[in-house]
Amino acid sequence: MALSLDPDAPLPGDGDPVAKGTEEPMDVESVFQMIGFGWFQLRFFIICGMPWMADAVEITLISFIGGIVERDLDATPAEASMVVAGVFLGMLTGAFVWGLVADFYGRLWAFWGGVILTFGAGVASAFAPNFQILGLCRVLVGVGAASGHVSTTILMEFMPKEYRTATCCLLQVFWTIGCLFEAGLAYV
């Protein structure tokens, strides 16, 4: 196709199989089918499994934290229960917030925002001087941990069709790894 000065002439690539490389345009699904399962998908699978591990650690941690808060921070049983309940309040709030963030700004923002918030608030929890600050940190951890569902959606978008079911099921193994990791830390 030769270039033309005519404003109504088609641009290069419009209906030109040589410029496009193929006669039929490919959709994203077809591209992932053509690429298949490789190192990118494997690394992305591991990255998307990390929030599941963190979520498992958070849920398992709840069974330990009440007594520690009472003992180390001189909190009453009711105050310790509020710290524990704060994680669930955060998860309730975070599920709504991260859904909106994913819709308006994209899933990657929701994914990484949740990961960073969970990590930052989790580290801050370790240095909390009293149960009020600890409670706030635990609420923020819950908000961050609630973004874990976004990782599953992102992962499925980058997988070829024939691998989606297996990777979605195998993603749940990270939950078990997180529980075993925390149990190992508690044993030490």
N, C-alpha and C. Protein backbone atom coordinates (compact mmCIF):
# COMPACT_ATOMS: atom_id res chain seq x y z
N MET A 1 0.85 -1.17 0.00
CA MET A 1 0.00 0.00 0.00
C MET A 1 0.89 1.23 0.00
N ALA A 2 0.69 2.10 -0.92
CA ALA A 2 1.49 3.32 -1.02
C ALA A 2 0.85 4.42 -0.19
N LEU A 3 1.69 5.30 0.34
CA LEU A 3 1.18 6.43 1.11
C LEU A 3 0.49 7.41 0.17
N SER A 4 -0.56 8.02 0.65
CA SER A 4 -1.31 8.95 -0.15
C SER A 4 -1.53 10.23 0.64
N LEU A 5 -1.61 11.33 -0.04
CA LEU A 5 -1.90 12.60 0.62
C LEU A 5 -3.40 12.80 0.78
N ASP A 6 -4.19 11.90 0.25
CA ASP A 6 -5.64 11.98 0.35
C ASP A 6 -6.05 11.73 1.81
N PRO A 7 -6.79 12.68 2.45
CA PRO A 7 -7.17 12.49 3.85
C PRO A 7 -8.12 11.32 4.07
N ASP A 8 -8.79 10.86 3.03
CA ASP A 8 -9.70 9.73 3.16
C ASP A 8 -9.04 8.39 2.87
N ALA A 9 -7.78 8.42 2.49
CA ALA A 9 -7.07 7.17 2.17
C ALA A 9 -6.79 6.41 3.45
N PRO A 10 -6.82 5.07 3.40
CA PRO A 10 -6.54 4.28 4.61
C PRO A 10 -5.09 4.45 5.06
N LEU A 11 -4.89 4.42 6.35
CA LEU A 11 -3.55 4.51 6.91
C LEU A 11 -2.85 3.17 6.78
N PRO A 12 -1.52 3.17 6.80
CA PRO A 12 -0.82 1.88 6.78
C PRO A 12 -1.23 1.06 7.99
N GLY A 13 -1.54 -0.19 7.75
CA GLY A 13 -1.99 -1.06 8.83
C GLY A 13 -3.49 -1.26 8.82
N ASP A 14 -4.25 -0.34 8.19
CA ASP A 14 -5.70 -0.51 8.10
C ASP A 14 -6.01 -1.45 6.96
N GLY A 15 -6.25 -2.72 7.28
CA GLY A 15 -6.58 -3.70 6.27
C GLY A 15 -5.38 -4.18 5.48
N ASP A 16 -4.19 -3.77 5.88
CA ASP A 16 -2.98 -4.18 5.19
C ASP A 16 -2.34 -5.34 5.94
N PRO A 17 -2.47 -6.59 5.41
CA PRO A 17 -1.96 -7.75 6.14
C PRO A 17 -0.45 -7.71 6.36
N VAL A 18 0.29 -7.05 5.49
CA VAL A 18 1.74 -6.98 5.66
C VAL A 18 2.08 -6.10 6.87
N ALA A 19 1.39 -4.97 7.02
CA ALA A 19 1.66 -4.05 8.14
C ALA A 19 1.25 -4.68 9.47
N LYS A 20 0.18 -5.46 9.48
CA LYS A 20 -0.30 -6.07 10.72
C LYS A 20 0.41 -7.38 11.02
N GLY A 21 0.96 -8.01 10.03
CA GLY A 21 1.61 -9.29 10.24
C GLY A 21 0.66 -10.46 10.06
N THR A 22 -0.62 -10.22 10.02
CA THR A 22 -1.61 -11.27 9.85
C THR A 22 -2.87 -10.65 9.28
N GLU A 23 -3.67 -11.47 8.65
CA GLU A 23 -4.91 -10.94 8.09
C GLU A 23 -5.95 -10.69 9.16
N GLU A 24 -5.96 -11.52 10.18
CA GLU A 24 -6.93 -11.38 11.26
C GLU A 24 -6.24 -10.79 12.49
N PRO A 25 -6.81 -9.75 13.06
CA PRO A 25 -6.21 -9.23 14.30
C PRO A 25 -6.37 -10.25 15.43
N MET A 26 -5.38 -10.30 16.31
CA MET A 26 -5.42 -11.26 17.42
C MET A 26 -5.93 -10.56 18.67
N ASP A 27 -6.78 -11.25 19.40
CA ASP A 27 -7.21 -10.71 20.69
C ASP A 27 -6.22 -11.16 21.76
N VAL A 28 -6.33 -10.59 22.95
CA VAL A 28 -5.40 -10.88 24.04
C VAL A 28 -5.41 -12.35 24.40
N GLU A 29 -6.58 -12.95 24.43
CA GLU A 29 -6.71 -14.38 24.75
C GLU A 29 -5.90 -15.24 23.78
N SER A 30 -5.96 -14.91 22.50
CA SER A 30 -5.22 -15.67 21.50
C SER A 30 -3.71 -15.51 21.68
N VAL A 31 -3.29 -14.32 22.09
CA VAL A 31 -1.87 -14.09 22.31
C VAL A 31 -1.37 -14.96 23.47
N PHE A 32 -2.13 -15.01 24.57
CA PHE A 32 -1.71 -15.85 25.70
C PHE A 32 -1.74 -17.33 25.34
N GLN A 33 -2.67 -17.73 24.50
CA GLN A 33 -2.70 -19.12 24.03
C GLN A 33 -1.45 -19.43 23.21
N MET A 34 -1.05 -18.47 22.38
CA MET A 34 0.10 -18.66 21.52
C MET A 34 1.40 -18.69 22.36
N ILE A 35 1.48 -17.85 23.39
CA ILE A 35 2.67 -17.80 24.24
C ILE A 35 2.80 -19.07 25.06
N GLY A 36 1.69 -19.54 25.62
CA GLY A 36 1.71 -20.74 26.45
C GLY A 36 2.14 -20.43 27.88
N PHE A 37 2.57 -21.47 28.60
CA PHE A 37 3.01 -21.35 29.99
C PHE A 37 4.52 -21.36 30.01
N GLY A 38 5.10 -20.28 30.51
CA GLY A 38 6.56 -20.17 30.54
C GLY A 38 7.05 -19.59 31.85
N TRP A 39 8.29 -19.08 31.82
CA TRP A 39 8.91 -18.54 33.03
C TRP A 39 8.14 -17.34 33.57
N PHE A 40 7.61 -16.48 32.70
CA PHE A 40 6.84 -15.34 33.18
C PHE A 40 5.65 -15.81 34.00
N GLN A 41 4.89 -16.76 33.48
CA GLN A 41 3.72 -17.24 34.18
C GLN A 41 4.10 -17.91 35.50
N LEU A 42 5.19 -18.65 35.52
CA LEU A 42 5.64 -19.30 36.75
C LEU A 42 6.03 -18.28 37.81
N ARG A 43 6.81 -17.28 37.41
CA ARG A 43 7.19 -16.22 38.36
C ARG A 43 5.96 -15.45 38.84
N PHE A 44 5.07 -15.15 37.93
CA PHE A 44 3.85 -14.42 38.30
C PHE A 44 2.97 -15.24 39.23
N PHE A 45 2.95 -16.55 39.00
CA PHE A 45 2.22 -17.46 39.88
C PHE A 45 2.77 -17.38 41.31
N ILE A 46 4.07 -17.39 41.45
CA ILE A 46 4.70 -17.31 42.78
C ILE A 46 4.42 -15.95 43.41
N ILE A 47 4.53 -14.88 42.65
CA ILE A 47 4.24 -13.54 43.18
C ILE A 47 2.79 -13.45 43.65
N CYS A 48 1.87 -13.99 42.86
CA CYS A 48 0.45 -13.94 43.23
C CYS A 48 0.13 -14.87 44.40
N GLY A 49 0.98 -15.84 44.67
CA GLY A 49 0.77 -16.72 45.82
C GLY A 49 1.19 -16.09 47.13
N MET A 50 2.07 -15.11 47.09
CA MET A 50 2.56 -14.49 48.33
C MET A 50 1.45 -13.82 49.16
N PRO A 51 0.51 -13.10 48.54
CA PRO A 51 -0.58 -12.55 49.37
C PRO A 51 -1.41 -13.64 50.04
N TRP A 52 -1.54 -14.81 49.40
CA TRP A 52 -2.26 -15.92 50.03
C TRP A 52 -1.51 -16.42 51.24
N MET A 53 -0.18 -16.46 51.14
CA MET A 53 0.63 -16.85 52.30
C MET A 53 0.46 -15.84 53.43
N ALA A 54 0.51 -14.56 53.10
CA ALA A 54 0.36 -13.51 54.11
C ALA A 54 -1.01 -13.58 54.77
N ASP A 55 -2.03 -13.85 53.98
CA ASP A 55 -3.38 -13.96 54.52
C ASP A 55 -3.48 -15.15 55.48
N ALA A 56 -2.86 -16.25 55.13
CA ALA A 56 -2.87 -17.42 56.01
C ALA A 56 -2.15 -17.12 57.32
N VAL A 57 -1.03 -16.42 57.23
CA VAL A 57 -0.29 -16.04 58.43
C VAL A 57 -1.16 -15.15 59.30
N GLU A 58 -1.87 -14.21 58.70
CA GLU A 58 -2.73 -13.30 59.47
C GLU A 58 -3.84 -14.05 60.19
N ILE A 59 -4.50 -14.93 59.49
CA ILE A 59 -5.62 -15.66 60.10
C ILE A 59 -5.11 -16.58 61.20
N THR A 60 -3.98 -17.24 60.98
CA THR A 60 -3.43 -18.13 62.00
C THR A 60 -2.91 -17.33 63.19
N LEU A 61 -2.37 -16.16 62.93
CA LEU A 61 -1.83 -15.31 63.99
C LEU A 61 -2.90 -14.90 64.99
N ILE A 62 -4.11 -14.79 64.54
CA ILE A 62 -5.20 -14.35 65.41
C ILE A 62 -5.35 -15.26 66.63
N SER A 63 -5.09 -16.54 66.43
CA SER A 63 -5.23 -17.46 67.57
C SER A 63 -4.16 -17.25 68.63
N PHE A 64 -3.04 -16.63 68.27
CA PHE A 64 -1.96 -16.40 69.22
C PHE A 64 -1.97 -15.01 69.85
N ILE A 65 -2.50 -14.04 69.13
CA ILE A 65 -2.26 -12.65 69.50
C ILE A 65 -3.00 -12.19 70.75
N GLY A 66 -4.18 -12.74 71.02
CA GLY A 66 -4.97 -12.29 72.18
C GLY A 66 -4.23 -12.40 73.49
N GLY A 67 -3.70 -13.57 73.78
CA GLY A 67 -2.97 -13.78 75.03
C GLY A 67 -1.71 -12.94 75.13
N ILE A 68 -1.03 -12.76 74.01
CA ILE A 68 0.20 -11.96 74.00
C ILE A 68 -0.11 -10.50 74.28
N VAL A 69 -1.19 -10.00 73.71
CA VAL A 69 -1.59 -8.60 73.94
C VAL A 69 -1.92 -8.39 75.41
N GLU A 70 -2.64 -9.34 75.99
CA GLU A 70 -2.98 -9.23 77.42
C GLU A 70 -1.72 -9.23 78.28
N ARG A 71 -0.81 -10.13 77.99
CA ARG A 71 0.38 -10.28 78.82
C ARG A 71 1.39 -9.14 78.62
N ASP A 72 1.73 -8.84 77.37
CA ASP A 72 2.81 -7.89 77.10
C ASP A 72 2.38 -6.43 77.13
N LEU A 73 1.14 -6.15 76.82
CA LEU A 73 0.69 -4.76 76.77
C LEU A 73 -0.28 -4.42 77.91
N ASP A 74 -0.40 -5.30 78.89
CA ASP A 74 -1.28 -5.08 80.05
C ASP A 74 -2.69 -4.68 79.62
N ALA A 75 -3.22 -5.38 78.64
CA ALA A 75 -4.57 -5.09 78.16
C ALA A 75 -5.55 -6.05 78.83
N THR A 76 -6.78 -5.60 78.93
CA THR A 76 -7.83 -6.46 79.46
C THR A 76 -8.24 -7.45 78.37
N PRO A 77 -8.94 -8.52 78.73
CA PRO A 77 -9.41 -9.46 77.70
C PRO A 77 -10.29 -8.79 76.65
N ALA A 78 -11.09 -7.81 77.07
CA ALA A 78 -11.94 -7.10 76.11
C ALA A 78 -11.09 -6.29 75.13
N GLU A 79 -10.05 -5.65 75.63
CA GLU A 79 -9.17 -4.87 74.76
C GLU A 79 -8.41 -5.77 73.79
N ALA A 80 -7.95 -6.89 74.29
CA ALA A 80 -7.26 -7.85 73.42
C ALA A 80 -8.20 -8.37 72.34
N SER A 81 -9.45 -8.59 72.68
CA SER A 81 -10.44 -9.05 71.70
C SER A 81 -10.69 -7.99 70.63
N MET A 82 -10.63 -6.73 71.03
CA MET A 82 -10.82 -5.65 70.06
C MET A 82 -9.67 -5.62 69.05
N VAL A 83 -8.45 -5.90 69.50
CA VAL A 83 -7.31 -5.95 68.60
C VAL A 83 -7.50 -7.08 67.59
N VAL A 84 -7.95 -8.23 68.08
CA VAL A 84 -8.19 -9.38 67.20
C VAL A 84 -9.32 -9.08 66.22
N ALA A 85 -10.39 -8.49 66.71
CA ALA A 85 -11.54 -8.17 65.85
C ALA A 85 -11.18 -7.10 64.82
N GLY A 86 -10.19 -6.27 65.14
CA GLY A 86 -9.78 -5.22 64.22
C GLY A 86 -9.32 -5.76 62.87
N VAL A 87 -8.69 -6.91 62.86
CA VAL A 87 -8.25 -7.51 61.59
C VAL A 87 -9.46 -7.80 60.71
N PHE A 88 -10.52 -8.34 61.30
CA PHE A 88 -11.71 -8.66 60.51
C PHE A 88 -12.44 -7.40 60.06
N LEU A 89 -12.44 -6.38 60.90
CA LEU A 89 -13.02 -5.10 60.49
C LEU A 89 -12.25 -4.54 59.31
N GLY A 90 -10.93 -4.65 59.38
CA GLY A 90 -10.09 -4.20 58.26
C GLY A 90 -10.35 -4.99 57.00
N MET A 91 -10.51 -6.30 57.13
CA MET A 91 -10.78 -7.13 55.94
C MET A 91 -12.13 -6.78 55.32
N LEU A 92 -13.12 -6.52 56.16
CA LEU A 92 -14.43 -6.12 55.65
C LEU A 92 -14.33 -4.82 54.87
N THR A 93 -13.62 -3.87 55.44
CA THR A 93 -13.44 -2.57 54.79
C THR A 93 -12.58 -2.72 53.54
N GLY A 94 -11.49 -3.46 53.67
CA GLY A 94 -10.56 -3.61 52.55
C GLY A 94 -11.15 -4.30 51.34
N ALA A 95 -12.02 -5.26 51.55
CA ALA A 95 -12.64 -5.95 50.41
C ALA A 95 -13.41 -4.96 49.55
N PHE A 96 -14.07 -4.03 50.19
CA PHE A 96 -14.82 -3.00 49.46
C PHE A 96 -13.86 -2.00 48.81
N VAL A 97 -12.87 -1.55 49.58
CA VAL A 97 -11.93 -0.53 49.08
C VAL A 97 -11.11 -1.05 47.91
N TRP A 98 -10.54 -2.26 48.04
CA TRP A 98 -9.69 -2.77 46.97
C TRP A 98 -10.49 -3.10 45.71
N GLY A 99 -11.75 -3.45 45.88
CA GLY A 99 -12.60 -3.64 44.70
C GLY A 99 -12.77 -2.35 43.93
N LEU A 100 -12.99 -1.26 44.65
CA LEU A 100 -13.12 0.05 43.99
C LEU A 100 -11.80 0.49 43.37
N VAL A 101 -10.71 0.29 44.09
CA VAL A 101 -9.40 0.66 43.54
C VAL A 101 -9.13 -0.13 42.26
N ALA A 102 -9.43 -1.41 42.27
CA ALA A 102 -9.22 -2.24 41.09
C ALA A 102 -10.09 -1.77 39.93
N ASP A 103 -11.33 -1.38 40.21
CA ASP A 103 -12.23 -0.92 39.15
C ASP A 103 -11.81 0.42 38.56
N PHE A 104 -11.39 1.34 39.42
CA PHE A 104 -11.10 2.69 38.95
C PHE A 104 -9.64 2.91 38.54
N TYR A 105 -8.71 2.22 39.14
CA TYR A 105 -7.29 2.46 38.86
C TYR A 105 -6.57 1.25 38.26
N GLY A 106 -7.18 0.10 38.34
CA GLY A 106 -6.58 -1.10 37.78
C GLY A 106 -6.21 -2.10 38.85
N ARG A 107 -6.18 -3.36 38.46
CA ARG A 107 -5.92 -4.44 39.42
C ARG A 107 -4.51 -4.41 39.98
N LEU A 108 -3.55 -3.98 39.18
CA LEU A 108 -2.17 -3.93 39.70
C LEU A 108 -2.03 -2.94 40.84
N TRP A 109 -2.72 -1.81 40.76
CA TRP A 109 -2.69 -0.85 41.87
C TRP A 109 -3.30 -1.46 43.12
N ALA A 110 -4.39 -2.17 42.96
CA ALA A 110 -5.02 -2.82 44.11
C ALA A 110 -4.12 -3.91 44.67
N PHE A 111 -3.51 -4.68 43.80
CA PHE A 111 -2.64 -5.77 44.23
C PHE A 111 -1.45 -5.24 45.02
N TRP A 112 -0.68 -4.34 44.39
CA TRP A 112 0.52 -3.84 45.06
C TRP A 112 0.19 -2.93 46.24
N GLY A 113 -0.90 -2.19 46.16
CA GLY A 113 -1.31 -1.37 47.31
C GLY A 113 -1.59 -2.23 48.53
N GLY A 114 -2.29 -3.34 48.31
CA GLY A 114 -2.58 -4.26 49.41
C GLY A 114 -1.34 -4.92 49.97
N VAL A 115 -0.43 -5.31 49.08
CA VAL A 115 0.82 -5.94 49.52
C VAL A 115 1.64 -4.98 50.36
N ILE A 116 1.78 -3.75 49.89
CA ILE A 116 2.59 -2.76 50.61
C ILE A 116 1.94 -2.40 51.94
N LEU A 117 0.61 -2.22 51.95
CA LEU A 117 -0.08 -1.89 53.20
C LEU A 117 0.02 -3.02 54.21
N THR A 118 -0.15 -4.25 53.77
CA THR A 118 -0.04 -5.40 54.68
C THR A 118 1.37 -5.48 55.26
N PHE A 119 2.37 -5.32 54.43
CA PHE A 119 3.75 -5.39 54.90
C PHE A 119 4.06 -4.25 55.88
N GLY A 120 3.73 -3.03 55.48
CA GLY A 120 4.03 -1.87 56.32
C GLY A 120 3.32 -1.91 57.67
N ALA A 121 2.03 -2.21 57.65
CA ALA A 121 1.27 -2.26 58.90
C ALA A 121 1.68 -3.47 59.74
N GLY A 122 2.08 -4.56 59.09
CA GLY A 122 2.54 -5.74 59.84
C GLY A 122 3.83 -5.45 60.58
N VAL A 123 4.77 -4.78 59.91
CA VAL A 123 6.02 -4.41 60.57
C VAL A 123 5.75 -3.41 61.69
N ALA A 124 4.88 -2.44 61.43
CA ALA A 124 4.54 -1.46 62.47
C ALA A 124 3.89 -2.13 63.67
N SER A 125 3.14 -3.21 63.44
CA SER A 125 2.52 -3.94 64.55
C SER A 125 3.56 -4.48 65.52
N ALA A 126 4.69 -4.88 64.99
CA ALA A 126 5.75 -5.44 65.84
C ALA A 126 6.33 -4.40 66.79
N PHE A 127 6.22 -3.13 66.44
CA PHE A 127 6.80 -2.06 67.26
C PHE A 127 5.75 -1.22 67.99
N ALA A 128 4.51 -1.68 68.00
CA ALA A 128 3.43 -0.92 68.65
C ALA A 128 3.67 -0.82 70.15
N PRO A 129 3.66 0.40 70.70
CA PRO A 129 3.94 0.57 72.13
C PRO A 129 2.76 0.27 73.05
N ASN A 130 1.55 0.29 72.52
CA ASN A 130 0.36 0.02 73.34
C ASN A 130 -0.70 -0.66 72.48
N PHE A 131 -1.76 -1.10 73.15
CA PHE A 131 -2.75 -1.88 72.40
C PHE A 131 -3.56 -1.02 71.44
N GLN A 132 -3.67 0.28 71.68
CA GLN A 132 -4.41 1.15 70.76
C GLN A 132 -3.69 1.25 69.41
N ILE A 133 -2.38 1.48 69.46
CA ILE A 133 -1.60 1.55 68.23
C ILE A 133 -1.57 0.18 67.55
N LEU A 134 -1.44 -0.86 68.35
CA LEU A 134 -1.46 -2.22 67.80
C LEU A 134 -2.80 -2.49 67.11
N GLY A 135 -3.88 -2.08 67.75
CA GLY A 135 -5.21 -2.26 67.15
C GLY A 135 -5.33 -1.55 65.82
N LEU A 136 -4.83 -0.31 65.73
CA LEU A 136 -4.87 0.43 64.48
C LEU A 136 -4.04 -0.27 63.41
N CYS A 137 -2.86 -0.72 63.80
CA CYS A 137 -2.00 -1.44 62.84
C CYS A 137 -2.67 -2.72 62.35
N ARG A 138 -3.34 -3.43 63.25
CA ARG A 138 -4.00 -4.68 62.85
C ARG A 138 -5.18 -4.40 61.93
N VAL A 139 -5.90 -3.30 62.14
CA VAL A 139 -6.98 -2.93 61.22
C VAL A 139 -6.39 -2.68 59.83
N LEU A 140 -5.27 -1.95 59.78
CA LEU A 140 -4.64 -1.67 58.49
C LEU A 140 -4.11 -2.93 57.83
N VAL A 141 -3.60 -3.86 58.62
CA VAL A 141 -3.18 -5.16 58.07
C VAL A 141 -4.38 -5.86 57.45
N GLY A 142 -5.51 -5.83 58.12
CA GLY A 142 -6.72 -6.44 57.58
C GLY A 142 -7.15 -5.80 56.27
N VAL A 143 -7.06 -4.46 56.20
CA VAL A 143 -7.41 -3.76 54.97
C VAL A 143 -6.50 -4.23 53.84
N GLY A 144 -5.20 -4.30 54.12
CA GLY A 144 -4.25 -4.73 53.09
C GLY A 144 -4.44 -6.18 52.69
N ALA A 145 -4.65 -7.04 53.67
CA ALA A 145 -4.80 -8.48 53.39
C ALA A 145 -6.04 -8.77 52.56
N ALA A 146 -7.01 -7.89 52.61
CA ALA A 146 -8.25 -8.11 51.84
C ALA A 146 -8.04 -7.98 50.34
N SER A 147 -6.88 -7.51 49.92
CA SER A 147 -6.62 -7.39 48.48
C SER A 147 -6.16 -8.71 47.87
N GLY A 148 -6.06 -9.76 48.68
CA GLY A 148 -5.58 -11.04 48.19
C GLY A 148 -6.39 -11.61 47.04
N HIS A 149 -7.69 -11.35 47.03
CA HIS A 149 -8.53 -11.88 45.94
C HIS A 149 -8.16 -11.28 44.59
N VAL A 150 -7.57 -10.10 44.60
CA VAL A 150 -7.18 -9.45 43.34
C VAL A 150 -6.06 -10.25 42.66
N SER A 151 -5.19 -10.86 43.46
CA SER A 151 -4.09 -11.62 42.87
C SER A 151 -4.59 -12.81 42.05
N THR A 152 -5.66 -13.43 42.50
CA THR A 152 -6.22 -14.55 41.74
C THR A 152 -6.75 -14.09 40.39
N THR A 153 -7.42 -12.97 40.39
CA THR A 153 -7.98 -12.44 39.14
C THR A 153 -6.88 -12.08 38.17
N ILE A 154 -5.85 -11.40 38.66
CA ILE A 154 -4.74 -11.02 37.78
C ILE A 154 -4.06 -12.26 37.22
N LEU A 155 -3.83 -13.24 38.08
CA LEU A 155 -3.16 -14.46 37.64
C LEU A 155 -3.95 -15.15 36.53
N MET A 156 -5.25 -15.25 36.70
CA MET A 156 -6.07 -15.92 35.69
C MET A 156 -6.06 -15.17 34.36
N GLU A 157 -5.90 -13.86 34.41
CA GLU A 157 -5.86 -13.08 33.17
C GLU A 157 -4.60 -13.36 32.35
N PHE A 158 -3.52 -13.73 33.02
CA PHE A 158 -2.25 -13.94 32.33
C PHE A 158 -1.97 -15.41 32.02
N MET A 159 -2.91 -16.27 32.28
CA MET A 159 -2.72 -17.71 32.04
C MET A 159 -3.45 -18.14 30.76
N PRO A 160 -2.84 -19.04 30.00
CA PRO A 160 -3.58 -19.66 28.89
C PRO A 160 -4.75 -20.48 29.46
N LYS A 161 -5.79 -20.64 28.67
CA LYS A 161 -7.01 -21.30 29.14
C LYS A 161 -6.76 -22.65 29.79
N GLU A 162 -5.92 -23.47 29.18
CA GLU A 162 -5.75 -24.83 29.68
C GLU A 162 -5.02 -24.90 31.02
N TYR A 163 -4.41 -23.80 31.47
CA TYR A 163 -3.69 -23.80 32.75
C TYR A 163 -4.44 -23.08 33.87
N ARG A 164 -5.55 -22.45 33.57
CA ARG A 164 -6.25 -21.63 34.57
C ARG A 164 -6.76 -22.43 35.76
N THR A 165 -7.40 -23.53 35.50
CA THR A 165 -7.96 -24.33 36.60
C THR A 165 -6.87 -24.85 37.50
N ALA A 166 -5.81 -25.38 36.91
CA ALA A 166 -4.71 -25.95 37.70
C ALA A 166 -4.02 -24.87 38.52
N THR A 167 -3.72 -23.72 37.91
CA THR A 167 -3.03 -22.67 38.66
C THR A 167 -3.91 -22.08 39.75
N CYS A 168 -5.20 -21.98 39.50
CA CYS A 168 -6.10 -21.47 40.53
C CYS A 168 -6.15 -22.41 41.72
N CYS A 169 -6.19 -23.71 41.44
CA CYS A 169 -6.20 -24.69 42.54
C CYS A 169 -4.85 -24.72 43.25
N LEU A 170 -3.77 -24.70 42.50
CA LEU A 170 -2.44 -24.73 43.10
C LEU A 170 -2.12 -23.47 43.90
N LEU A 171 -2.79 -22.37 43.55
CA LEU A 171 -2.59 -21.12 44.30
C LEU A 171 -2.95 -21.30 45.77
N GLN A 172 -3.90 -22.20 46.03
CA GLN A 172 -4.32 -22.43 47.41
C GLN A 172 -3.25 -23.13 48.25
N VAL A 173 -2.26 -23.72 47.57
CA VAL A 173 -1.15 -24.35 48.30
C VAL A 173 -0.37 -23.30 49.08
N PHE A 174 -0.35 -22.08 48.58
CA PHE A 174 0.36 -21.01 49.29
C PHE A 174 -0.26 -20.74 50.66
N TRP A 175 -1.56 -20.95 50.79
CA TRP A 175 -2.21 -20.81 52.09
C TRP A 175 -1.60 -21.81 53.08
N THR A 176 -1.48 -23.05 52.64
CA THR A 176 -0.90 -24.09 53.49
C THR A 176 0.55 -23.77 53.83
N ILE A 177 1.30 -23.31 52.84
CA ILE A 177 2.70 -22.94 53.10
C ILE A 177 2.76 -21.83 54.14
N GLY A 178 1.87 -20.85 54.06
CA GLY A 178 1.83 -19.77 55.04
C GLY A 178 1.54 -20.28 56.44
N CYS A 179 0.60 -21.21 56.57
CA CYS A 179 0.28 -21.78 57.88
C CYS A 179 1.46 -22.57 58.44
N LEU A 180 2.11 -23.35 57.59
CA LEU A 180 3.27 -24.13 58.03
C LEU A 180 4.43 -23.22 58.39
N PHE A 181 4.60 -22.14 57.64
CA PHE A 181 5.66 -21.18 57.94
C PHE A 181 5.46 -20.57 59.31
N GLU A 182 4.24 -20.16 59.60
CA GLU A 182 3.97 -19.55 60.90
C GLU A 182 4.10 -20.56 62.03
N ALA A 183 3.63 -21.77 61.81
CA ALA A 183 3.78 -22.81 62.83
C ALA A 183 5.26 -23.09 63.09
N GLY A 184 6.07 -23.07 62.04
CA GLY A 184 7.51 -23.25 62.20
C GLY A 184 8.14 -22.12 63.00
N LEU A 185 7.70 -20.89 62.74
CA LEU A 185 8.20 -19.75 63.52
C LEU A 185 7.78 -19.85 64.98
N ALA A 186 6.55 -20.28 65.22
CA ALA A 186 6.07 -20.42 66.58
C ALA A 186 6.84 -21.52 67.33
N TYR A 187 7.24 -22.55 66.62
CA TYR A 187 7.99 -23.64 67.24
C TYR A 187 9.38 -23.20 67.65
N VAL A 188 9.97 -22.33 66.83
CA VAL A 188 11.32 -21.84 67.11
C VAL A 188 11.22 -20.87 68.24
